[in-house]
PDB file of N, CA and C in Angstrom:
ATOM      1  N   MET A   1      -7.753   1.206 -13.865  1.00  0.00           N
ATOM      2  CA  MET A   1      -8.078   0.237 -12.892  1.00  0.00           C
ATOM      3  C   MET A   1      -6.921  -0.843 -12.856  1.00  0.00           C
ATOM      4  N   LYS A   2      -6.315  -1.083 -13.986  1.00  0.00           N
ATOM      5  CA  LYS A   2      -5.277  -2.015 -14.037  1.00  0.00           C
ATOM      6  C   LYS A   2      -4.101  -1.563 -13.232  1.00  0.00           C
ATOM      7  N   ARG A   3      -3.801  -0.258 -13.267  1.00  0.00           N
ATOM      8  CA  ARG A   3      -2.717   0.291 -12.425  1.00  0.00           C
ATOM      9  C   ARG A   3      -2.939   0.104 -10.955  1.00  0.00           C
ATOM     10  N   LEU A   4      -4.160   0.303 -10.541  1.00  0.00           N
ATOM     11  CA  LEU A   4      -4.475   0.070  -9.084  1.00  0.00           C
ATOM     12  C   LEU A   4      -4.264  -1.310  -8.701  1.00  0.00           C
ATOM     13  N   GLY A   5      -4.639  -2.244  -9.555  1.00  0.00           N
ATOM     14  CA  GLY A   5      -4.448  -3.696  -9.269  1.00  0.00           C
ATOM     15  C   GLY A   5      -3.021  -3.990  -9.136  1.00  0.00           C
ATOM     16  N   ASN A   6      -2.236  -3.450 -10.101  1.00  0.00           N
ATOM     17  CA  ASN A   6      -0.752  -3.670 -10.055  1.00  0.00           C
ATOM     18  C   ASN A   6      -0.163  -3.109  -8.816  1.00  0.00           C
ATOM     19  N   LEU A   7      -0.596  -1.929  -8.434  1.00  0.00           N
ATOM     20  CA  LEU A   7      -0.045  -1.303  -7.191  1.00  0.00           C
ATOM     21  C   LEU A   7      -0.369  -2.150  -6.004  1.00  0.00           C
ATOM     22  N   ILE A   8      -1.522  -2.643  -5.872  1.00  0.00           N
ATOM     23  CA  ILE A   8      -2.004  -3.448  -4.712  1.00  0.00           C
ATOM     24  C   ILE A   8      -1.139  -4.739  -4.695  1.00  0.00           C
ATOM     25  N   ARG A   9      -1.021  -5.370  -5.879  1.00  0.00           N
ATOM     26  CA  ARG A   9      -0.284  -6.623  -5.966  1.00  0.00           C
ATOM     27  C   ARG A   9       1.211  -6.346  -5.546  1.00  0.00           C
ATOM     28  N   TRP A  10       1.874  -5.370  -6.095  1.00  0.00           N
ATOM     29  CA  TRP A  10       3.258  -5.113  -5.772  1.00  0.00           C
ATOM     30  C   TRP A  10       3.462  -4.757  -4.316  1.00  0.00           C
ATOM     31  N   THR A  11       2.487  -4.005  -3.726  1.00  0.00           N
ATOM     32  CA  THR A  11       2.532  -3.649  -2.327  1.00  0.00           C
ATOM     33  C   THR A  11       2.461  -4.910  -1.514  1.00  0.00           C
ATOM     34  N   GLY A  12       1.588  -5.882  -1.858  1.00  0.00           N
ATOM     35  CA  GLY A  12       1.516  -7.107  -1.147  1.00  0.00           C
ATOM     36  C   GLY A  12       2.786  -7.885  -1.246  1.00  0.00           C
ATOM     37  N   VAL A  13       3.398  -7.987  -2.384  1.00  0.00           N
ATOM     38  CA  VAL A  13       4.670  -8.697  -2.631  1.00  0.00           C
ATOM     39  C   VAL A  13       5.730  -8.034  -1.715  1.00  0.00           C
ATOM     40  N   ALA A  14       5.787  -6.716  -1.790  1.00  0.00           N
ATOM     41  CA  ALA A  14       6.797  -5.969  -0.964  1.00  0.00           C
ATOM     42  C   ALA A  14       6.655  -6.223   0.489  1.00  0.00           C
ATOM     43  N   LEU A  15       5.428  -6.335   1.059  1.00  0.00           N
ATOM     44  CA  LEU A  15       5.191  -6.541   2.465  1.00  0.00           C
ATOM     45  C   LEU A  15       5.632  -7.998   2.829  1.00  0.00           C
ATOM     46  N   VAL A  16       5.378  -8.958   1.968  1.00  0.00           N
ATOM     47  CA  VAL A  16       5.772 -10.280   2.231  1.00  0.00           C
ATOM     48  C   VAL A  16       7.328 -10.376   2.178  1.00  0.00           C
ATOM     49  N   VAL A  17       7.950  -9.779   1.284  1.00  0.00           N
ATOM     50  CA  VAL A  17       9.432  -9.765   1.210  1.00  0.00           C
ATOM     51  C   VAL A  17       9.988  -9.053   2.487  1.00  0.00           C
ATOM     52  N   TRP A  18       9.435  -7.901   2.892  1.00  0.00           N
ATOM     53  CA  TRP A  18       9.851  -7.228   4.067  1.00  0.00           C
ATOM     54  C   TRP A  18       9.748  -8.101   5.326  1.00  0.00           C
ATOM     55  N   ALA A  19       8.636  -8.841   5.473  1.00  0.00           N
ATOM     56  CA  ALA A  19       8.434  -9.633   6.652  1.00  0.00           C
ATOM     57  C   ALA A  19       9.422 -10.813   6.659  1.00  0.00           C
ATOM     58  N   LEU A  20       9.602 -11.432   5.484  1.00  0.00           N
ATOM     59  CA  LEU A  20      10.552 -12.492   5.352  1.00  0.00           C
ATOM     60  C   LEU A  20      11.983 -12.007   5.680  1.00  0.00           C
ATOM     61  N   TYR A  21      12.367 -10.928   5.105  1.00  0.00           N
ATOM     62  CA  TYR A  21      13.711 -10.343   5.368  1.00  0.00           C
ATOM     63  C   TYR A  21      13.857 -10.059   6.883  1.00  0.00           C
ATOM     64  N   ARG A  22      12.842  -9.531   7.459  1.00  0.00           N
ATOM     65  CA  ARG A  22      12.897  -9.229   8.947  1.00  0.00           C
ATOM     66  C   ARG A  22      13.192 -10.461   9.711  1.00  0.00           C
ATOM     67  N   GLU A  23      12.489 -11.552   9.385  1.00  0.00           N
ATOM     68  CA  GLU A  23      12.667 -12.814  10.128  1.00  0.00           C
ATOM     69  C   GLU A  23      14.024 -13.363   9.832  1.00  0.00           C
ATOM     70  N   LEU A  24      14.436 -13.442   8.559  1.00  0.00           N
ATOM     71  CA  LEU A  24      15.628 -14.143   8.145  1.00  0.00           C
ATOM     72  C   LEU A  24      16.878 -13.341   8.600  1.00  0.00           C
ATOM     73  N   SER A  25      16.706 -12.003   8.929  1.00  0.00           N
ATOM     74  CA  SER A  25      17.881 -11.247   9.353  1.00  0.00           C
ATOM     75  C   SER A  25      18.122 -11.481  10.880  1.00  0.00           C
ATOM     76  N   LYS A  26      17.272 -12.202  11.550  1.00  0.00           N
ATOM     77  CA  LYS A  26      17.432 -12.555  12.930  1.00  0.00           C
ATOM     78  C   LYS A  26      18.295 -13.800  13.009  1.00  0.00           C
ATOM     79  N   PRO A  27      18.974 -14.052  14.150  1.00  0.00           N
ATOM     80  CA  PRO A  27      19.611 -15.354  14.338  1.00  0.00           C
ATOM     81  C   PRO A  27      18.499 -16.431  14.413  1.00  0.00           C
ATOM     82  N   PRO A  28      18.799 -17.603  13.890  1.00  0.00           N
ATOM     83  CA  PRO A  28      17.799 -18.689  13.864  1.00  0.00           C
ATOM     84  C   PRO A  28      17.001 -18.934  15.144  1.00  0.00           C
ATOM     85  N   GLU A  29      17.684 -18.907  16.266  1.00  0.00           N
ATOM     86  CA  GLU A  29      16.978 -19.060  17.522  1.00  0.00           C
ATOM     87  C   GLU A  29      16.036 -18.013  18.012  1.00  0.00           C
ATOM     88  N   GLU A  30      16.109 -16.817  17.322  1.00  0.00           N
ATOM     89  CA  GLU A  30      15.235 -15.724  17.664  1.00  0.00           C
ATOM     90  C   GLU A  30      14.062 -15.544  16.627  1.00  0.00           C
ATOM     91  N   ARG A  31      14.018 -16.324  15.622  1.00  0.00           N
ATOM     92  CA  ARG A  31      12.970 -16.201  14.608  1.00  0.00           C
ATOM     93  C   ARG A  31      11.653 -16.736  15.225  1.00  0.00           C
ATOM     94  N   THR A  32      10.642 -15.914  15.053  1.00  0.00           N
ATOM     95  CA  THR A  32       9.320 -16.351  15.537  1.00  0.00           C
ATOM     96  C   THR A  32       8.325 -16.575  14.366  1.00  0.00           C
ATOM     97  N   TRP A  33       8.644 -15.979  13.229  1.00  0.00           N
ATOM     98  CA  TRP A  33       7.829 -16.074  12.016  1.00  0.00           C
ATOM     99  C   TRP A  33       6.487 -15.424  12.218  1.00  0.00           C
ATOM    100  N   HIS A  34       6.352 -14.546  13.087  1.00  0.00           N
ATOM    101  CA  HIS A  34       5.129 -13.648  13.308  1.00  0.00           C
ATOM    102  C   HIS A  34       5.528 -12.380  13.956  1.00  0.00           C
ATOM    103  N   GLY A  35       4.753 -11.370  13.708  1.00  0.00           N
ATOM    104  CA  GLY A  35       4.975 -10.053  14.284  1.00  0.00           C
ATOM    105  C   GLY A  35       4.201  -8.954  13.558  1.00  0.00           C
ATOM    106  N   LYS A  36       4.745  -7.772  13.649  1.00  0.00           N
ATOM    107  CA  LYS A  36       4.089  -6.597  12.994  1.00  0.00           C
ATOM    108  C   LYS A  36       5.094  -5.788  12.217  1.00  0.00           C
ATOM    109  N   LEU A  37       4.727  -5.434  11.046  1.00  0.00           N
ATOM    110  CA  LEU A  37       5.549  -4.487  10.177  1.00  0.00           C
ATOM    111  C   LEU A  37       5.146  -3.071  10.570  1.00  0.00           C
ATOM    112  N   ALA A  38       6.054  -2.173  10.653  1.00  0.00           N
ATOM    113  CA  ALA A  38       5.758  -0.750  10.897  1.00  0.00           C
ATOM    114  C   ALA A  38       4.872  -0.612  12.140  1.00  0.00           C
ATOM    115  N   GLY A  39       4.903  -1.553  13.039  1.00  0.00           N
ATOM    116  CA  GLY A  39       4.146  -1.449  14.306  1.00  0.00           C
ATOM    117  C   GLY A  39       2.689  -1.757  14.226  1.00  0.00           C
ATOM    118  N   PHE A  40       2.138  -2.040  12.945  1.00  0.00           N
ATOM    119  CA  PHE A  40       0.702  -2.293  12.926  1.00  0.00           C
ATOM    120  C   PHE A  40       0.236  -3.264  11.820  1.00  0.00           C
ATOM    121  N   ILE A  41       1.094  -3.657  10.910  1.00  0.00           N
ATOM    122  CA  ILE A  41       0.693  -4.623   9.861  1.00  0.00           C
ATOM    123  C   ILE A  41       1.126  -5.987  10.272  1.00  0.00           C
ATOM    124  N   PRO A  42       0.114  -6.853  10.625  1.00  0.00           N
ATOM    125  CA  PRO A  42       0.472  -8.160  11.118  1.00  0.00           C
ATOM    126  C   PRO A  42       0.983  -9.095  10.046  1.00  0.00           C
ATOM    127  N   TYR A  43       1.883  -9.975  10.420  1.00  0.00           N
ATOM    128  CA  TYR A  43       2.289 -11.047   9.536  1.00  0.00           C
ATOM    129  C   TYR A  43       2.473 -12.319  10.402  1.00  0.00           C
ATOM    130  N   ASP A  44       2.213 -13.449   9.762  1.00  0.00           N
ATOM    131  CA  ASP A  44       2.397 -14.761  10.424  1.00  0.00           C
ATOM    132  C   ASP A  44       2.638 -15.787   9.376  1.00  0.00           C
ATOM    133  N   PHE A  45       3.777 -16.468   9.456  1.00  0.00           N
ATOM    134  CA  PHE A  45       4.172 -17.501   8.495  1.00  0.00           C
ATOM    135  C   PHE A  45       4.186 -18.876   9.165  1.00  0.00           C
ATOM    136  N   ARG A  46       3.552 -18.987  10.335  1.00  0.00           N
ATOM    137  CA  ARG A  46       3.453 -20.282  11.045  1.00  0.00           C
ATOM    138  C   ARG A  46       2.251 -21.056  10.458  1.00  0.00           C
ATOM    139  N   VAL A  47       2.302 -22.359  10.461  1.00  0.00           N
ATOM    140  CA  VAL A  47       1.189 -23.126   9.961  1.00  0.00           C
ATOM    141  C   VAL A  47       0.036 -22.994  10.955  1.00  0.00           C
ATOM    142  N   PRO A  48      -1.144 -22.545  10.459  1.00  0.00           N
ATOM    143  CA  PRO A  48      -2.249 -22.274  11.350  1.00  0.00           C
ATOM    144  C   PRO A  48      -3.010 -23.535  11.738  1.00  0.00           C
ATOM    145  N   THR A  49      -3.608 -23.463  12.900  1.00  0.00           N
ATOM    146  CA  THR A  49      -4.436 -24.582  13.343  1.00  0.00           C
ATOM    147  C   THR A  49      -5.869 -24.304  12.780  1.00  0.00           C
ATOM    148  N   LEU A  50      -6.639 -25.288  12.756  1.00  0.00           N
ATOM    149  CA  LEU A  50      -8.109 -25.143  12.348  1.00  0.00           C
ATOM    150  C   LEU A  50      -8.816 -24.118  13.247  1.00  0.00           C
ATOM    151  N   GLU A  51      -8.498 -24.124  14.568  1.00  0.00           N
ATOM    152  CA  GLU A  51      -9.119 -23.157  15.491  1.00  0.00           C
ATOM    153  C   GLU A  51      -8.692 -21.751  15.129  1.00  0.00           C
ATOM    154  N   GLN A  52      -7.427 -21.494  14.809  1.00  0.00           N
ATOM    155  CA  GLN A  52      -6.989 -20.113  14.464  1.00  0.00           C
ATOM    156  C   GLN A  52      -7.683 -19.725  13.143  1.00  0.00           C
ATOM    157  N   LEU A  53      -7.864 -20.566  12.206  1.00  0.00           N
ATOM    158  CA  LEU A  53      -8.552 -20.314  10.982  1.00  0.00           C
ATOM    159  C   LEU A  53      -9.996 -19.852  11.307  1.00  0.00           C
ATOM    160  N   ARG A  54     -10.607 -20.625  12.049  1.00  0.00           N
ATOM    161  CA  ARG A  54     -12.004 -20.404  12.395  1.00  0.00           C
ATOM    162  C   ARG A  54     -12.129 -19.065  13.168  1.00  0.00           C
ATOM    163  N   ALA A  55     -11.325 -18.756  14.115  1.00  0.00           N
ATOM    164  CA  ALA A  55     -11.382 -17.552  14.918  1.00  0.00           C
ATOM    165  C   ALA A  55     -11.146 -16.362  14.024  1.00  0.00           C
ATOM    166  N   ALA A  56     -10.277 -16.496  12.988  1.00  0.00           N
ATOM    167  CA  ALA A  56      -9.960 -15.342  12.159  1.00  0.00           C
ATOM    168  C   ALA A  56     -11.051 -15.074  11.114  1.00  0.00           C
ATOM    169  N   TYR A  57     -11.593 -16.127  10.495  1.00  0.00           N
ATOM    170  CA  TYR A  57     -12.461 -16.000   9.360  1.00  0.00           C
ATOM    171  C   TYR A  57     -13.917 -16.376   9.562  1.00  0.00           C
ATOM    172  N   TRP A  58     -14.199 -17.124  10.657  1.00  0.00           N
ATOM    173  CA  TRP A  58     -15.571 -17.577  10.906  1.00  0.00           C
ATOM    174  C   TRP A  58     -15.855 -17.551  12.412  1.00  0.00           C
ATOM    175  N   ASN A  59     -16.132 -16.405  12.924  1.00  0.00           N
ATOM    176  CA  ASN A  59     -16.427 -16.233  14.329  1.00  0.00           C
ATOM    177  C   ASN A  59     -17.775 -15.566  14.477  1.00  0.00           C
ATOM    178  N   PRO A  60     -18.838 -16.238  14.436  1.00  0.00           N
ATOM    179  CA  PRO A  60     -20.211 -15.558  14.502  1.00  0.00           C
ATOM    180  C   PRO A  60     -20.433 -14.723  15.756  1.00  0.00           C
ATOM    181  N   GLU A  61     -19.815 -15.134  16.850  1.00  0.00           N
ATOM    182  CA  GLU A  61     -19.939 -14.458  18.134  1.00  0.00           C
ATOM    183  C   GLU A  61     -19.109 -13.114  18.153  1.00  0.00           C
ATOM    184  N   GLY A  62     -18.089 -13.029  17.356  1.00  0.00           N
ATOM    185  CA  GLY A  62     -17.198 -11.856  17.329  1.00  0.00           C
ATOM    186  C   GLY A  62     -17.888 -10.720  16.636  1.00  0.00           C
ATOM    187  N   ASN A  63     -17.737  -9.511  17.208  1.00  0.00           N
ATOM    188  CA  ASN A  63     -18.266  -8.304  16.567  1.00  0.00           C
ATOM    189  C   ASN A  63     -17.286  -7.537  15.764  1.00  0.00           C
ATOM    190  N   TYR A  64     -16.115  -8.110  15.575  1.00  0.00           N
ATOM    191  CA  TYR A  64     -15.041  -7.437  14.898  1.00  0.00           C
ATOM    192  C   TYR A  64     -15.111  -7.804  13.395  1.00  0.00           C
ATOM    193  N   LEU A  65     -14.748  -6.884  12.516  1.00  0.00           N
ATOM    194  CA  LEU A  65     -14.647  -7.176  11.133  1.00  0.00           C
ATOM    195  C   LEU A  65     -13.292  -7.702  10.672  1.00  0.00           C
ATOM    196  N   PHE A  66     -12.246  -7.074  11.156  1.00  0.00           N
ATOM    197  CA  PHE A  66     -10.899  -7.431  10.762  1.00  0.00           C
ATOM    198  C   PHE A  66     -10.143  -8.128  11.849  1.00  0.00           C
ATOM    199  N   SER A  67      -9.358  -9.157  11.561  1.00  0.00           N
ATOM    200  CA  SER A  67      -8.525  -9.904  12.522  1.00  0.00           C
ATOM    201  C   SER A  67      -7.175 -10.048  11.878  1.00  0.00           C
ATOM    202  N   ASP A  68      -6.216 -10.333  12.765  1.00  0.00           N
ATOM    203  CA  ASP A  68      -4.871 -10.611  12.196  1.00  0.00           C
ATOM    204  C   ASP A  68      -4.969 -11.841  11.303  1.00  0.00           C
ATOM    205  N   ARG A  69      -4.329 -11.815  10.151  1.00  0.00           N
ATOM    206  CA  ARG A  69      -4.394 -12.892   9.183  1.00  0.00           C
ATOM    207  C   ARG A  69      -3.594 -14.044   9.836  1.00  0.00           C
ATOM    208  N   VAL A  70      -4.068 -15.256   9.615  1.00  0.00           N
ATOM    209  CA  VAL A  70      -3.375 -16.448  10.289  1.00  0.00           C
ATOM    210  C   VAL A  70      -2.276 -16.984   9.379  1.00  0.00           C
ATOM    211  N   LEU A  71      -2.209 -16.577   8.200  1.00  0.00           N
ATOM    212  CA  LEU A  71      -1.140 -16.977   7.274  1.00  0.00           C
ATOM    213  C   LEU A  71      -0.879 -15.975   6.244  1.00  0.00           C
ATOM    214  N   GLY A  72       0.352 -15.307   6.312  1.00  0.00           N
ATOM    215  CA  GLY A  72       0.643 -14.244   5.378  1.00  0.00           C
ATOM    216  C   GLY A  72       0.776 -12.960   6.038  1.00  0.00           C
ATOM    217  N   VAL A  73       0.499 -11.875   5.213  1.00  0.00           N
ATOM    218  CA  VAL A  73       0.641 -10.516   5.719  1.00  0.00           C
ATOM    219  C   VAL A  73      -0.681  -9.797   5.627  1.00  0.00           C
ATOM    220  N   GLY A  74      -1.042  -9.028   6.596  1.00  0.00           N
ATOM    221  CA  GLY A  74      -2.287  -8.188   6.538  1.00  0.00           C
ATOM    222  C   GLY A  74      -3.345  -8.752   7.491  1.00  0.00           C
ATOM    223  N   TRP A  75      -4.605  -8.496   7.097  1.00  0.00           N
ATOM    224  CA  TRP A  75      -5.706  -8.790   8.018  1.00  0.00           C
ATOM    225  C   TRP A  75      -6.602  -9.827   7.380  1.00  0.00           C
ATOM    226  N   GLY A  76      -7.341 -10.539   8.176  1.00  0.00           N
ATOM    227  CA  GLY A  76      -8.366 -11.470   7.689  1.00  0.00           C
ATOM    228  C   GLY A  76      -9.716 -10.743   7.941  1.00  0.00           C
ATOM    229  N   ILE A  77     -10.788 -11.331   7.333  1.00  0.00           N
ATOM    230  CA  ILE A  77     -12.095 -10.744   7.482  1.00  0.00           C
ATOM    231  C   ILE A  77     -12.983 -11.758   8.163  1.00  0.00           C
ATOM    232  N   ASN A  78     -13.630 -11.363   9.219  1.00  0.00           N
ATOM    233  CA  ASN A  78     -14.636 -12.258   9.951  1.00  0.00           C
ATOM    234  C   ASN A  78     -15.912 -12.300   9.049  1.00  0.00           C
ATOM    235  N   LEU A  79     -16.075 -13.339   8.270  1.00  0.00           N
ATOM    236  CA  LEU A  79     -17.166 -13.336   7.288  1.00  0.00           C
ATOM    237  C   LEU A  79     -18.590 -13.268   7.912  1.00  0.00           C
ATOM    238  N   PRO A  80     -18.914 -13.804   9.076  1.00  0.00           N
ATOM    239  CA  PRO A  80     -20.248 -13.598   9.620  1.00  0.00           C
ATOM    240  C   PRO A  80     -20.493 -12.137   9.906  1.00  0.00           C
ATOM    241  N   GLU A  81     -19.503 -11.425  10.463  1.00  0.00           N
ATOM    242  CA  GLU A  81     -19.671 -10.013  10.724  1.00  0.00           C
ATOM    243  C   GLU A  81     -19.798  -9.164   9.436  1.00  0.00           C
ATOM    244  N   LEU A  82     -19.059  -9.506   8.423  1.00  0.00           N
ATOM    245  CA  LEU A  82     -19.190  -8.836   7.130  1.00  0.00           C
ATOM    246  C   LEU A  82     -20.640  -8.988   6.634  1.00  0.00           C
ATOM    247  N   TRP A  83     -21.130 -10.216   6.687  1.00  0.00           N
ATOM    248  CA  TRP A  83     -22.472 -10.542   6.219  1.00  0.00           C
ATOM    249  C   TRP A  83     -23.527  -9.688   7.036  1.00  0.00           C
ATOM    250  N   ARG A  84     -23.348  -9.622   8.345  1.00  0.00           N
ATOM    251  CA  ARG A  84     -24.248  -8.846   9.199  1.00  0.00           C
ATOM    252  C   ARG A  84     -24.315  -7.357   8.791  1.00  0.00           C
ATOM    253  N   ARG A  85     -23.074  -6.839   8.628  1.00  0.00           N
ATOM    254  CA  ARG A  85     -22.968  -5.413   8.256  1.00  0.00           C
ATOM    255  C   ARG A  85     -23.569  -5.072   6.940  1.00  0.00           C
ATOM    256  N   LEU A  86     -23.334  -5.995   5.917  1.00  0.00           N
ATOM    257  CA  LEU A  86     -23.898  -5.761   4.640  1.00  0.00           C
ATOM    258  C   LEU A  86     -25.428  -5.907   4.656  1.00  0.00           C
ATOM    259  N   ARG A  87     -25.914  -6.896   5.393  1.00  0.00           N
ATOM    260  CA  ARG A  87     -27.339  -7.068   5.564  1.00  0.00           C
ATOM    261  C   ARG A  87     -27.998  -5.842   6.159  1.00  0.00           C
ATOM    262  N   ASP A  88     -27.298  -5.316   7.225  1.00  0.00           N
ATOM    263  CA  ASP A  88     -27.884  -4.119   7.934  1.00  0.00           C
ATOM    264  C   ASP A  88     -27.903  -2.944   6.951  1.00  0.00           C
ATOM    265  N   ARG A  89     -26.876  -2.755   6.166  1.00  0.00           N
ATOM    266  CA  ARG A  89     -26.846  -1.605   5.168  1.00  0.00           C
ATOM    267  C   ARG A  89     -27.943  -1.711   4.124  1.00  0.00           C
ATOM    268  N   VAL A  90     -28.117  -2.925   3.656  1.00  0.00           N
ATOM    269  CA  VAL A  90     -29.156  -3.144   2.669  1.00  0.00           C
ATOM    270  C   VAL A  90     -30.548  -2.877   3.279  1.00  0.00           C
ATOM    271  N   GLN A  91     -30.750  -3.314   4.464  1.00  0.00           N
ATOM    272  CA  GLN A  91     -32.050  -3.021   5.138  1.00  0.00           C
ATOM    273  C   GLN A  91     -32.289  -1.557   5.404  1.00  0.00           C
ATOM    274  N   GLU A  92     -31.178  -0.822   5.728  1.00  0.00           N
ATOM    275  CA  GLU A  92     -31.256   0.644   5.963  1.00  0.00           C
ATOM    276  C   GLU A  92     -31.633   1.310   4.610  1.00  0.00           C
ATOM    277  N   MET A  93     -30.998   0.881   3.572  1.00  0.00           N
ATOM    278  CA  MET A  93     -31.259   1.455   2.253  1.00  0.00           C
ATOM    279  C   MET A  93     -32.710   1.182   1.832  1.00  0.00           C
ATOM    280  N   GLN A  94     -33.188  -0.035   2.050  1.00  0.00           N
ATOM    281  CA  GLN A  94     -34.522  -0.384   1.630  1.00  0.00           C
ATOM    282  C   GLN A  94     -35.543   0.379   2.521  1.00  0.00           C
ATOM    283  N   SER A  95     -35.305   0.525   3.798  1.00  0.00           N
ATOM    284  CA  SER A  95     -36.250   1.285   4.613  1.00  0.00           C
ATOM    285  C   SER A  95     -36.185   2.812   4.247  1.00  0.00           C
ATOM    286  N   GLY A  96     -35.054   3.317   3.861  1.00  0.00           N
ATOM    287  CA  GLY A  96     -34.970   4.711   3.432  1.00  0.00           C
ATOM    288  C   GLY A  96     -35.634   4.913   2.085  1.00  0.00           C
ATOM    289  N   ALA A  97     -35.648   3.938   1.215  1.00  0.00           N
ATOM    290  CA  ALA A  97     -36.248   4.078  -0.077  1.00  0.00           C
ATOM    291  C   ALA A  97     -37.757   4.040   0.104  1.00  0.00           C
ATOM    292  N   ARG A  98     -38.249   3.194   1.091  1.00  0.00           N
ATOM    293  CA  ARG A  98     -39.688   3.172   1.303  1.00  0.00           C
ATOM    294  C   ARG A  98     -40.214   4.453   1.908  1.00  0.00           C
ATOM    295  N   ARG A  99     -39.410   5.069   2.803  1.00  0.00           N
ATOM    296  CA  ARG A  99     -39.857   6.352   3.393  1.00  0.00           C
ATOM    297  C   ARG A  99     -39.955   7.450   2.316  1.00  0.00           C
ATOM    298  N   ALA A 100     -38.998   7.380   1.345  1.00  0.00           N
ATOM    299  CA  ALA A 100     -38.926   8.392   0.279  1.00  0.00           C
ATOM    300  C   ALA A 100     -40.160   8.320  -0.629  1.00  0.00           C
ATOM    301  N   GLU A 101     -40.834   7.126  -0.685  1.00  0.00           N
ATOM    302  CA  GLU A 101     -41.977   6.995  -1.608  1.00  0.00           C
ATOM    303  C   GLU A 101     -43.162   7.636  -1.225  1.00  0.00           C
TER     304      GLU A 101
END
């Protein structure tokens, strides 16, 4: 398990370094400090607004689980949607256990 944790940690570090290298290799006037690595891994090093944080991590009206992270590399998790999905799975398991009795 320790090896998996180290692999995840080093992969995260490598992605941050890659994103920073990508931005710093551009001329200063072309640097946006956000984009996608390998065409699908989002990164953003701009200072987020409160609204961006809320939209990424706390959007009860949104039915999406993952959103672009507002600071760093990777994806954010819409916590209300995660809670809904977990609650639904627990209810399914409980109703399945009742039927089996």
